[in-house]
Amino acid sequence: MRGWIFSLSLLPLLALGAEFDRPHLSDAKGDITARIGGITAVNHGLVATGRLPAGTVDFMGDTLGSFSSLAVDRHSWKRVGDHYEGTLWTLPDRGRNDPGAGLFYDYAARLHRFRIKVTPYSGADLPASTKSQRQVEIIPDGGLELHDFNGKPFTGAEPGAGVVVQNGITLPAPASGTGAGKVSMDAESLQFTADGSFYIGDEYGANVFFFDPKGKLKGVIVPPVAVVPRRDGKLDFNSLKPPQTGRRNNQGVEGMSLSPDGTRLFVVLQSALIQDTATGEASGRSNTRVIVYDVSRDPTPRQPVAHYVVQLPVYNDKGDGSPANRTAAQSEVRAIDNQRFLMLARDGNGLGSDNGKPIVYKAVLLVDTSTATNLAGGTYETSTTSVLRKPDRNDLVEGITPAPWVELVNLLAPAQLSRFGLNVSTSPKNQPLTLSEKWEAMDLLPMRDPSHPDDYLLLVGNDNDFIARHCVMQGQACDSDFDNDSMILVYRLTLPH
């Protein structure tokens, strides 16, 4: 499926996997209907945008890193006349860092709280200005610092080979230097439970941490043997180089979501495990794992009840028609029932990447696991056996059927973006109206419209990597030569009940 430039104009893409060698743009201005597994969903398009200045300082005095994940408090969400209001919680990752230079901060894990107001807009095109992204008001309102089992703060610092043991669980922790002795967390995914407790998915260990409403660690979901990172048989939580088996470094629990009834927790890795990666360039990382836990009785169960493979899109990062050389890694999921979820997959180009390459692929996919092979309890979960038929190909072994998906929202829709003053142009580099590189956060909220009971607002947020002209981290300057504002895009969707 190479060379599809306007693939969503009339018909959404249905795929087990797909390849894009040129920018995957959509000329859609109206509704897009997607069907999969006997259900129908409709994307009504972009209806609101908002931005928070990159130099905003958070409640702990650091530059506010934006949205590796986000979630709106369901109890606060309400419709007021022509707009919606609520309390927004967002998750920064491990703080400003430069792994190539070995620079990490002792950044304390935290949640940011905001007051949010969303006013959908359907009028004429707005000017090409940052002032045009004002349909979403994002007002900082404090936050919550997180603490481990012993009541100590976490650190964002690289753990290297260091570990600590708390409550019988081995966790990453720097043995010396920055953050020594603290549990390392690179937080990437956030999900609240009905009582205000919450889960956070981590990159370092591919663990899922479970916190009480006050931010105290209460339990950990340790991943299956197949996912745990190891080198020479030992745990290897290092983020600077890949392990020999298990989660790829910096490719841990990037997406996570509870089913609407609160019984199933979907945990999705950013891309393929090391043993599931085809040799060659980075397009061999497309077979990622989806692990599902029953949390109806125990919030931190030991074993999954379901375990699937999803084949991510692959693309060419130059967008010049050459064969794929990258995987469009998944960055967030939101479940719509016990079998289906929305999944955000994206390339690494756009504002913040500083590479000047064209934006090729950013989309929200609707994934259906109902026909996929369940690997729970089997050899592909309890060992490091690869799901690949051959090490140099992405083909799955016979008997494994991946979960299919259909593309529901293409973020690269120039006509929709331009109505809000935005664009997909990366030349010249680092312009504030260029679509950001790292879209990593989503939440799905009811519109509370009696005449359209199945309509929702999908909030999509970016991770700005703490890039700001005026940046401060633990009292130290960390300035960049451009601003990468925190942003939220809002889409109106019709989804099956």
Protein backbone atom coordinates (compact mmCIF):
# COMPACT_ATOMS: atom_id res chain seq x y z
CA MET A 1 0.00 0.00 0.00
CA ARG A 2 2.68 2.44 -1.04
CA GLY A 3 2.24 5.92 -2.41
CA TRP A 4 -1.29 6.64 -1.10
CA ILE A 5 -1.27 10.38 -0.65
CA PHE A 6 -5.01 11.01 -0.24
CA SER A 7 -6.16 7.65 1.04
CA LEU A 8 -8.90 8.91 3.36
CA SER A 9 -10.78 11.16 0.96
CA LEU A 10 -13.45 8.60 0.18
CA LEU A 11 -12.52 5.36 1.90
CA PRO A 12 -10.62 4.72 5.15
CA LEU A 13 -7.69 2.35 5.12
CA LEU A 14 -8.28 -1.15 6.53
CA ALA A 15 -5.12 -3.04 7.26
CA LEU A 16 -3.22 -5.60 9.29
CA GLY A 17 -0.22 -3.41 8.48
CA ALA A 18 0.44 -0.74 5.87
CA GLU A 19 3.41 0.98 4.24
CA PHE A 20 3.64 4.69 3.39
CA ASP A 21 6.47 5.96 1.23
CA ARG A 22 5.14 9.51 0.77
CA PRO A 23 3.34 11.98 3.07
CA HIS A 24 -0.02 10.42 3.95
CA LEU A 25 -2.25 13.48 3.62
CA SER A 26 -6.02 13.65 3.63
CA ASP A 27 -8.12 16.09 1.61
CA ALA A 28 -11.18 15.26 3.72
CA LYS A 29 -13.34 18.20 4.79
CA GLY A 30 -16.47 16.28 5.79
CA ASP A 31 -17.35 13.05 7.56
CA ILE A 32 -15.24 9.91 7.21
CA THR A 33 -16.90 6.57 7.99
CA ALA A 34 -14.85 3.58 9.13
CA ARG A 35 -16.14 0.02 9.54
CA ILE A 36 -14.48 -2.90 11.26
CA GLY A 37 -15.68 -6.04 13.05
CA GLY A 38 -19.32 -5.26 12.44
CA ILE A 39 -19.17 -1.77 13.97
CA THR A 40 -19.27 1.65 12.32
CA ALA A 41 -17.48 4.80 13.49
CA VAL A 42 -17.56 8.30 12.01
CA ASN A 43 -14.90 11.00 12.17
CA HIS A 44 -16.57 14.43 11.83
CA GLY A 45 -13.22 16.21 11.74
CA LEU A 46 -11.22 18.74 13.74
CA VAL A 47 -13.46 21.03 15.82
CA ALA A 48 -11.12 22.81 18.28
CA THR A 49 -7.47 23.53 19.06
CA GLY A 50 -5.57 25.04 21.94
CA ARG A 51 -2.02 25.76 23.04
CA LEU A 52 -0.09 26.39 26.24
CA PRO A 53 3.15 28.44 25.92
CA ALA A 54 6.29 26.29 26.00
CA GLY A 55 7.84 28.42 28.74
CA THR A 56 5.03 27.77 31.25
CA VAL A 57 6.41 26.86 34.69
CA ASP A 58 4.68 24.12 36.70
CA PHE A 59 3.69 23.87 40.37
CA MET A 60 7.15 22.50 41.31
CA GLY A 61 9.07 25.35 39.65
CA ASP A 62 10.19 23.44 36.53
CA THR A 63 9.32 24.13 32.91
CA LEU A 64 6.05 22.35 32.31
CA GLY A 65 6.71 19.31 30.12
CA SER A 66 3.57 18.55 28.23
CA PHE A 67 1.41 15.66 27.42
CA SER A 68 2.94 12.19 27.31
CA SER A 69 -0.59 11.26 28.38
CA LEU A 70 -3.73 13.08 29.50
CA ALA A 71 -7.05 12.28 31.16
CA VAL A 72 -10.08 14.39 32.08
CA ASP A 73 -11.78 13.77 35.42
CA ARG A 74 -15.11 12.25 34.39
CA HIS A 75 -16.86 13.62 37.48
CA SER A 76 -15.87 17.18 36.52
CA TRP A 77 -16.76 17.00 32.81
CA LYS A 78 -19.90 18.97 31.95
CA ARG A 79 -21.58 20.78 29.11
CA VAL A 80 -22.28 24.46 29.73
CA GLY A 81 -24.15 26.15 26.90
CA ASP A 82 -21.91 26.14 23.82
CA HIS A 83 -18.83 24.75 25.58
CA TYR A 84 -17.49 22.02 27.85
CA GLU A 85 -15.59 22.32 31.13
CA GLY A 86 -13.60 19.96 33.30
CA THR A 87 -10.43 19.12 35.20
CA LEU A 88 -7.60 17.90 33.00
CA TRP A 89 -4.73 15.81 34.36
CA THR A 90 -1.59 15.45 32.24
CA LEU A 91 1.55 13.37 32.54
CA PRO A 92 5.09 14.60 31.77
CA ASP A 93 7.79 12.02 31.17
CA ARG A 94 11.30 11.94 32.73
CA GLY A 95 12.16 15.64 32.43
CA ARG A 96 14.47 17.47 30.08
CA ASN A 97 17.30 15.16 29.02
CA ASP A 98 19.98 14.62 26.40
CA PRO A 99 20.80 10.89 26.34
CA GLY A 100 23.54 11.35 23.73
CA ALA A 101 25.39 13.64 26.13
CA GLY A 102 24.50 11.57 29.20
CA LEU A 103 22.49 14.47 30.62
CA PHE A 104 19.61 13.58 32.93
CA TYR A 105 17.92 15.48 35.74
CA ASP A 106 16.65 14.18 39.06
CA TYR A 107 13.16 15.02 37.82
CA ALA A 108 10.43 14.01 40.28
CA ALA A 109 7.49 12.12 38.75
CA ARG A 110 4.28 14.17 38.89
CA LEU A 111 0.86 14.85 37.41
CA HIS A 112 -0.16 18.31 36.22
CA ARG A 113 -3.70 19.59 36.82
CA PHE A 114 -5.50 22.13 34.63
CA ARG A 115 -8.89 23.70 34.25
CA ILE A 116 -9.98 23.11 30.67
CA LYS A 117 -12.68 24.70 28.53
CA VAL A 118 -13.51 23.40 25.02
CA THR A 119 -15.66 25.44 22.62
CA PRO A 120 -16.15 23.59 19.29
CA TYR A 121 -15.77 25.80 16.21
CA SER A 122 -17.19 25.29 12.71
CA GLY A 123 -16.74 28.73 11.15
CA ALA A 124 -14.54 30.13 8.41
CA ASP A 125 -10.78 29.65 8.20
CA LEU A 126 -8.89 31.50 10.92
CA PRO A 127 -5.66 33.48 10.31
CA ALA A 128 -2.30 31.69 10.20
CA SER A 129 -1.39 32.79 13.71
CA THR A 130 -0.84 31.18 17.11
CA LYS A 131 -3.76 33.31 18.31
CA SER A 132 -6.11 31.16 16.20
CA GLN A 133 -5.69 28.11 18.48
CA ARG A 134 -7.92 29.36 21.28
CA GLN A 135 -10.94 27.04 21.22
CA VAL A 136 -9.35 25.02 24.03
CA GLU A 137 -8.42 27.01 27.13
CA ILE A 138 -5.78 25.26 29.26
CA ILE A 139 -5.29 26.92 32.65
CA PRO A 140 -2.64 25.48 35.05
CA ASP A 141 -4.14 24.55 38.42
CA GLY A 142 -1.43 22.80 40.45
CA GLY A 143 -0.59 19.13 40.42
CA LEU A 144 0.44 16.05 42.36
CA GLU A 145 3.91 14.70 43.15
CA LEU A 146 4.18 10.90 43.09
CA HIS A 147 5.87 8.72 45.73
CA ASP A 148 7.11 5.13 45.84
CA PHE A 149 6.20 2.38 48.33
CA ASN A 150 8.47 4.01 50.91
CA GLY A 151 7.06 7.50 50.46
CA LYS A 152 10.07 8.76 48.49
CA PRO A 153 9.94 10.72 45.21
CA PHE A 154 10.75 9.02 41.92
CA THR A 155 13.55 10.17 39.61
CA GLY A 156 13.64 10.58 35.85
CA ALA A 157 17.36 9.76 35.76
CA GLU A 158 18.84 6.92 33.72
CA PRO A 159 19.08 3.82 35.97
CA GLY A 160 21.85 2.06 34.04
CA ALA A 161 22.38 -1.35 35.65
CA GLY A 162 21.11 -0.19 39.03
CA VAL A 163 18.07 -1.64 40.81
CA VAL A 164 16.25 -1.42 44.12
CA VAL A 165 13.81 -3.91 45.64
CA GLN A 166 10.58 -2.62 47.18
CA ASN A 167 7.75 -4.88 48.35
CA GLY A 168 9.56 -7.80 46.75
CA ILE A 169 9.60 -6.15 43.30
CA THR A 170 12.88 -5.33 41.52
CA LEU A 171 12.69 -1.83 40.07
CA PRO A 172 15.14 0.36 38.11
CA ALA A 173 17.18 2.84 40.18
CA PRO A 174 20.50 4.64 39.61
CA ALA A 175 23.23 3.10 41.78
CA SER A 176 25.16 6.39 41.93
CA GLY A 177 25.11 9.94 40.63
CA THR A 178 21.91 11.75 39.68
CA GLY A 179 18.87 10.26 41.44
CA ALA A 180 20.92 7.60 43.24
CA GLY A 181 18.76 5.12 45.16
CA LYS A 182 15.45 6.44 43.88
CA VAL A 183 13.10 4.44 41.66
CA SER A 184 13.51 5.59 38.05
CA MET A 185 10.36 6.32 36.10
CA ASP A 186 9.93 7.44 32.51
CA ALA A 187 6.17 7.95 32.64
CA GLU A 188 4.32 7.63 29.33
CA SER A 189 0.69 6.57 29.90
CA LEU A 190 -2.01 7.50 32.41
CA GLN A 191 -5.39 6.01 33.27
CA PHE A 192 -7.70 6.84 36.20
CA THR A 193 -10.04 4.40 37.91
CA ALA A 194 -13.54 5.28 39.12
CA ASP A 195 -12.38 6.05 42.68
CA GLY A 196 -9.58 8.45 41.65
CA SER A 197 -6.74 5.94 41.85
CA PHE A 198 -4.63 5.74 38.72
CA TYR A 199 -2.23 3.67 36.64
CA ILE A 200 0.98 4.93 35.05
CA GLY A 201 2.84 3.02 32.34
CA ASP A 202 6.65 3.20 32.45
CA GLU A 203 9.36 3.00 29.75
CA TYR A 204 12.31 1.90 31.89
CA GLY A 205 10.86 -1.34 33.20
CA ALA A 206 7.73 -1.73 31.08
CA ASN A 207 5.94 -1.89 34.43
CA VAL A 208 2.50 -0.48 35.19
CA PHE A 209 2.45 1.42 38.49
CA PHE A 210 -0.78 1.69 40.49
CA PHE A 211 -1.23 4.77 42.72
CA ASP A 212 -3.85 5.84 45.24
CA PRO A 213 -5.61 9.21 44.71
CA LYS A 214 -2.91 10.99 46.74
CA GLY A 215 -0.09 9.74 44.50
CA LYS A 216 1.29 6.96 46.77
CA LEU A 217 2.40 3.77 45.02
CA LYS A 218 0.16 0.85 46.03
CA GLY A 219 1.13 -1.87 43.56
CA VAL A 220 2.92 -2.81 40.35
CA ILE A 221 1.87 -4.92 37.38
CA VAL A 222 5.12 -6.62 36.35
CA PRO A 223 5.13 -7.56 32.65
CA PRO A 224 5.32 -11.15 31.38
CA VAL A 225 8.66 -12.89 30.78
CA ALA A 226 8.53 -12.03 27.07
CA VAL A 227 8.45 -8.30 27.85
CA VAL A 228 10.91 -7.96 30.75
CA PRO A 229 14.20 -6.46 29.42
CA ARG A 230 17.20 -8.74 29.97
CA ARG A 231 20.86 -8.96 28.97
CA ASP A 232 22.90 -12.10 29.67
CA GLY A 233 19.98 -13.39 31.70
CA LYS A 234 19.90 -10.37 34.02
CA LEU A 235 17.42 -7.52 34.26
CA ASP A 236 18.53 -4.61 32.07
CA PHE A 237 16.54 -1.40 32.56
CA ASN A 238 19.06 0.71 30.64
CA SER A 239 17.48 3.25 28.27
CA LEU A 240 20.67 4.07 26.34
CA LYS A 241 21.05 0.73 24.53
CA PRO A 242 18.69 -2.13 23.72
CA PRO A 243 18.60 -5.31 25.84
CA GLN A 244 18.95 -8.73 24.25
CA THR A 245 15.28 -9.63 24.82
CA GLY A 246 12.14 -7.91 26.03
CA ARG A 247 11.00 -4.35 25.57
CA ARG A 248 13.15 -2.14 23.37
CA ASN A 249 14.85 0.72 25.20
CA ASN A 250 12.59 3.80 25.23
CA GLN A 251 9.80 1.67 23.72
CA GLY A 252 7.98 0.49 26.85
CA VAL A 253 4.39 0.96 28.01
CA GLU A 254 3.51 3.89 25.77
CA GLY A 255 -0.25 3.28 25.60
CA MET A 256 -2.69 2.14 28.29
CA SER A 257 -6.45 2.29 28.84
CA LEU A 258 -9.24 0.88 30.96
CA SER A 259 -12.34 -0.45 29.23
CA PRO A 260 -15.43 1.71 29.88
CA ASP A 261 -16.77 -0.80 32.41
CA GLY A 262 -13.47 -0.68 34.31
CA THR A 263 -12.78 -4.42 34.13
CA ARG A 264 -10.06 -4.62 31.48
CA LEU A 265 -6.74 -2.79 31.38
CA PHE A 266 -5.17 -2.62 27.90
CA VAL A 267 -1.38 -2.22 27.99
CA VAL A 268 0.36 -1.58 24.64
CA LEU A 269 4.09 -1.39 23.93
CA GLN A 270 5.37 1.40 21.71
CA SER A 271 6.82 -0.99 19.13
CA ALA A 272 8.02 -4.58 18.76
CA LEU A 273 9.92 -6.48 21.44
CA ILE A 274 13.61 -7.10 20.69
CA GLN A 275 12.94 -10.76 19.83
CA ASP A 276 10.06 -9.72 17.55
CA THR A 277 12.16 -7.21 15.59
CA ALA A 278 13.17 -8.12 12.04
CA THR A 279 16.84 -7.53 11.25
CA GLY A 280 17.68 -4.45 9.20
CA GLU A 281 16.34 -0.91 9.49
CA ALA A 282 13.69 0.33 11.90
CA SER A 283 10.66 -0.72 9.84
CA GLY A 284 11.22 -4.17 11.36
CA ARG A 285 9.68 -3.02 14.67
CA SER A 286 6.06 -3.12 13.54
CA ASN A 287 4.73 -6.21 15.39
CA THR A 288 3.92 -4.77 18.79
CA ARG A 289 2.20 -6.47 21.73
CA VAL A 290 -1.16 -5.69 23.36
CA ILE A 291 -1.52 -7.17 26.85
CA VAL A 292 -4.90 -7.19 28.59
CA TYR A 293 -5.47 -7.65 32.34
CA ASP A 294 -8.67 -8.35 34.28
CA VAL A 295 -8.60 -5.70 37.03
CA SER A 296 -12.19 -6.22 38.24
CA ARG A 297 -11.07 -7.89 41.49
CA ASP A 298 -7.35 -7.14 41.81
CA PRO A 299 -5.93 -3.84 40.49
CA THR A 300 -2.49 -5.43 39.96
CA PRO A 301 -3.04 -8.97 38.65
CA ARG A 302 -0.08 -11.24 37.99
CA GLN A 303 -1.22 -12.76 34.70
CA PRO A 304 -2.90 -11.32 31.58
CA VAL A 305 -6.20 -12.68 30.35
CA ALA A 306 -5.45 -11.73 26.75
CA HIS A 307 -2.37 -11.00 24.69
CA TYR A 308 -2.35 -9.96 21.02
CA VAL A 309 -0.11 -8.76 18.22
CA VAL A 310 -0.90 -5.55 16.33
CA GLN A 311 1.02 -4.68 13.17
CA LEU A 312 1.86 -0.97 13.15
CA PRO A 313 2.14 1.09 9.95
CA VAL A 314 5.62 1.51 8.47
CA TYR A 315 6.87 4.50 6.48
CA ASN A 316 9.83 6.13 4.77
CA ASP A 317 11.03 9.03 6.91
CA LYS A 318 12.06 11.11 3.87
CA GLY A 319 8.68 10.65 2.21
CA ASP A 320 10.40 10.47 -1.16
CA GLY A 321 8.96 7.21 -2.49
CA SER A 322 11.72 4.99 -1.13
CA PRO A 323 10.89 1.76 0.73
CA ALA A 324 9.86 2.01 4.37
CA ASN A 325 12.68 2.44 6.87
CA ARG A 326 10.75 3.34 10.04
CA THR A 327 7.83 2.11 12.16
CA ALA A 328 5.00 4.50 13.05
CA ALA A 329 5.22 3.73 16.76
CA GLN A 330 2.01 3.72 18.77
CA SER A 331 1.82 6.51 21.33
CA GLU A 332 -1.51 6.11 23.19
CA VAL A 333 -4.67 4.00 23.30
CA ARG A 334 -8.22 4.54 24.51
CA ALA A 335 -10.60 1.58 24.83
CA ILE A 336 -14.16 1.89 23.50
CA ASP A 337 -15.26 -1.56 24.78
CA ASN A 338 -13.70 -4.80 26.00
CA GLN A 339 -12.37 -5.74 22.55
CA ARG A 340 -11.73 -2.52 20.63
CA PHE A 341 -9.61 0.54 21.19
CA LEU A 342 -8.36 3.68 19.48
CA MET A 343 -4.61 3.74 18.91
CA LEU A 344 -2.45 6.75 18.02
CA ALA A 345 0.44 5.92 15.65
CA ARG A 346 2.91 8.51 14.39
CA ASP A 347 6.17 9.22 12.64
CA GLY A 348 9.09 11.18 14.14
CA ASN A 349 8.85 14.30 11.96
CA GLY A 350 7.36 17.71 12.67
CA LEU A 351 7.96 20.63 15.02
CA GLY A 352 10.42 19.50 17.68
CA SER A 353 12.31 16.94 15.61
CA ASP A 354 14.56 19.66 14.11
CA ASN A 355 15.31 17.41 11.11
CA GLY A 356 13.41 19.31 8.40
CA LYS A 357 12.00 16.09 6.95
CA PRO A 358 8.37 16.07 5.73
CA ILE A 359 5.66 14.84 8.07
CA VAL A 360 4.67 11.44 6.67
CA TYR A 361 2.21 9.72 9.02
CA LYS A 362 0.15 10.61 12.10
CA ALA A 363 -3.22 8.91 12.62
CA VAL A 364 -5.67 7.46 15.11
CA LEU A 365 -6.54 3.85 14.29
CA LEU A 366 -9.53 1.78 15.42
CA VAL A 367 -8.24 -1.66 16.46
CA ASP A 368 -10.44 -4.77 16.83
CA THR A 369 -9.01 -7.70 18.82
CA SER A 370 -12.06 -9.98 18.45
CA THR A 371 -10.51 -12.06 15.64
CA ALA A 372 -6.89 -11.94 16.82
CA THR A 373 -5.00 -14.91 18.26
CA ASN A 374 -4.83 -14.81 22.07
CA LEU A 375 -1.26 -15.55 23.17
CA ALA A 376 -1.99 -15.33 26.93
CA GLY A 377 -0.30 -18.09 28.91
CA GLY A 378 1.46 -19.51 25.85
CA THR A 379 5.09 -19.78 24.82
CA TYR A 380 5.18 -16.31 23.21
CA GLU A 381 4.31 -14.81 26.60
CA THR A 382 6.12 -17.10 29.05
CA SER A 383 9.38 -17.22 27.10
CA THR A 384 11.35 -15.01 24.70
CA THR A 385 10.35 -17.01 21.62
CA SER A 386 9.85 -14.69 18.64
CA VAL A 387 6.50 -14.34 16.88
CA LEU A 388 8.36 -13.88 13.58
CA ARG A 389 8.52 -16.67 11.03
CA LYS A 390 12.03 -15.61 9.96
CA PRO A 391 14.41 -13.16 11.67
CA ASP A 392 14.82 -11.02 8.56
CA ARG A 393 11.09 -10.60 7.82
CA ASN A 394 8.06 -9.14 9.59
CA ASP A 395 5.89 -12.18 8.75
CA LEU A 396 4.24 -13.79 11.76
CA VAL A 397 4.55 -17.50 12.45
CA GLU A 398 1.73 -19.65 11.16
CA GLY A 399 -1.22 -19.68 13.54
CA ILE A 400 -0.85 -16.11 14.84
CA THR A 401 -3.50 -13.74 13.49
CA PRO A 402 -2.84 -10.08 14.38
CA ALA A 403 -5.58 -7.65 15.39
CA PRO A 404 -6.74 -5.68 12.31
CA TRP A 405 -7.26 -1.94 12.34
CA VAL A 406 -8.92 0.76 10.29
CA GLU A 407 -7.73 4.35 10.08
CA LEU A 408 -10.29 6.65 11.67
CA VAL A 409 -8.57 10.04 12.12
CA ASN A 410 -5.76 11.27 9.89
CA LEU A 411 -4.10 14.19 11.66
CA LEU A 412 -2.46 15.20 8.37
CA ALA A 413 -5.55 16.89 6.94
CA PRO A 414 -4.33 20.28 5.60
CA ALA A 415 -7.80 21.72 4.96
CA GLN A 416 -8.88 21.00 8.53
CA LEU A 417 -5.64 22.22 10.08
CA SER A 418 -5.60 25.45 8.04
CA ARG A 419 -9.05 26.35 9.37
CA PHE A 420 -7.30 26.74 12.72
CA GLY A 421 -4.17 28.41 11.33
CA LEU A 422 -1.99 25.26 11.39
CA ASN A 423 -0.05 23.46 8.66
CA VAL A 424 2.11 20.39 7.92
CA SER A 425 5.03 22.27 6.33
CA THR A 426 8.48 21.59 7.84
CA SER A 427 10.34 24.10 5.68
CA PRO A 428 11.60 26.35 7.12
CA LYS A 429 12.22 24.34 10.28
CA ASN A 430 10.81 24.99 13.74
CA GLN A 431 7.92 27.26 12.83
CA PRO A 432 5.24 27.53 15.55
CA LEU A 433 2.29 26.72 13.22
CA THR A 434 3.84 23.45 12.01
CA LEU A 435 2.17 20.32 13.39
CA SER A 436 4.20 19.04 16.33
CA GLU A 437 6.29 15.87 16.10
CA LYS A 438 5.24 13.88 19.17
CA TRP A 439 1.48 13.42 19.48
CA GLU A 440 1.37 11.08 22.46
CA ALA A 441 -1.81 11.68 24.45
CA MET A 442 -5.54 11.02 23.97
CA ASP A 443 -8.78 11.02 25.87
CA LEU A 444 -12.33 10.33 24.79
CA LEU A 445 -15.15 12.38 26.33
CA PRO A 446 -18.95 12.26 25.85
CA MET A 447 -20.52 15.28 24.17
CA ARG A 448 -23.63 14.92 26.34
CA ASP A 449 -25.82 15.75 23.35
CA PRO A 450 -29.24 14.03 23.70
CA SER A 451 -29.78 14.23 19.94
CA HIS A 452 -26.40 12.53 19.28
CA PRO A 453 -25.88 10.16 22.25
CA ASP A 454 -23.00 8.29 20.56
CA ASP A 455 -20.92 11.42 19.84
CA TYR A 456 -17.64 12.06 21.62
CA LEU A 457 -14.83 14.59 21.68
CA LEU A 458 -11.41 13.04 21.12
CA LEU A 459 -8.63 15.12 22.69
CA VAL A 460 -5.16 14.56 21.20
CA GLY A 461 -2.16 16.15 22.91
CA ASN A 462 1.53 16.50 22.12
CA ASP A 463 4.69 15.90 24.13
CA ASN A 464 6.87 18.98 23.62
CA ASP A 465 9.98 17.42 25.25
CA PHE A 466 10.39 20.52 27.47
CA ILE A 467 11.61 22.46 24.41
CA ALA A 468 11.37 26.18 25.22
CA ARG A 469 13.40 29.33 24.61
CA HIS A 470 13.23 29.95 28.35
CA CYS A 471 13.53 26.60 30.12
CA VAL A 472 14.36 25.81 33.74
CA MET A 473 14.91 22.40 35.32
CA GLN A 474 15.74 22.17 39.05
CA GLY A 475 16.94 25.75 39.00
CA GLN A 476 19.19 25.25 35.98
CA ALA A 477 18.70 26.83 32.57
CA CYS A 478 17.84 24.35 29.77
CA ASP A 479 17.02 26.82 26.99
CA SER A 480 16.39 25.79 23.37
CA ASP A 481 16.58 28.05 20.33
CA PHE A 482 12.83 27.74 19.62
CA ASP A 483 9.53 27.15 21.43
CA ASN A 484 7.52 23.94 21.08
CA ASP A 485 4.19 24.81 22.71
CA SER A 486 2.00 22.22 24.39
CA MET A 487 -1.05 21.69 22.18
CA ILE A 488 -4.40 19.89 22.11
CA LEU A 489 -6.40 19.02 18.99
CA VAL A 490 -10.06 18.05 19.39
CA TYR A 491 -12.02 15.84 16.97
CA ARG A 492 -15.71 14.98 17.00
CA LEU A 493 -16.40 11.25 16.62
CA THR A 494 -19.45 9.02 16.50
CA LEU A 495 -18.65 5.68 18.11
CA PRO A 496 -20.76 2.59 18.79
CA HIS A 497 -22.13 2.33 22.31
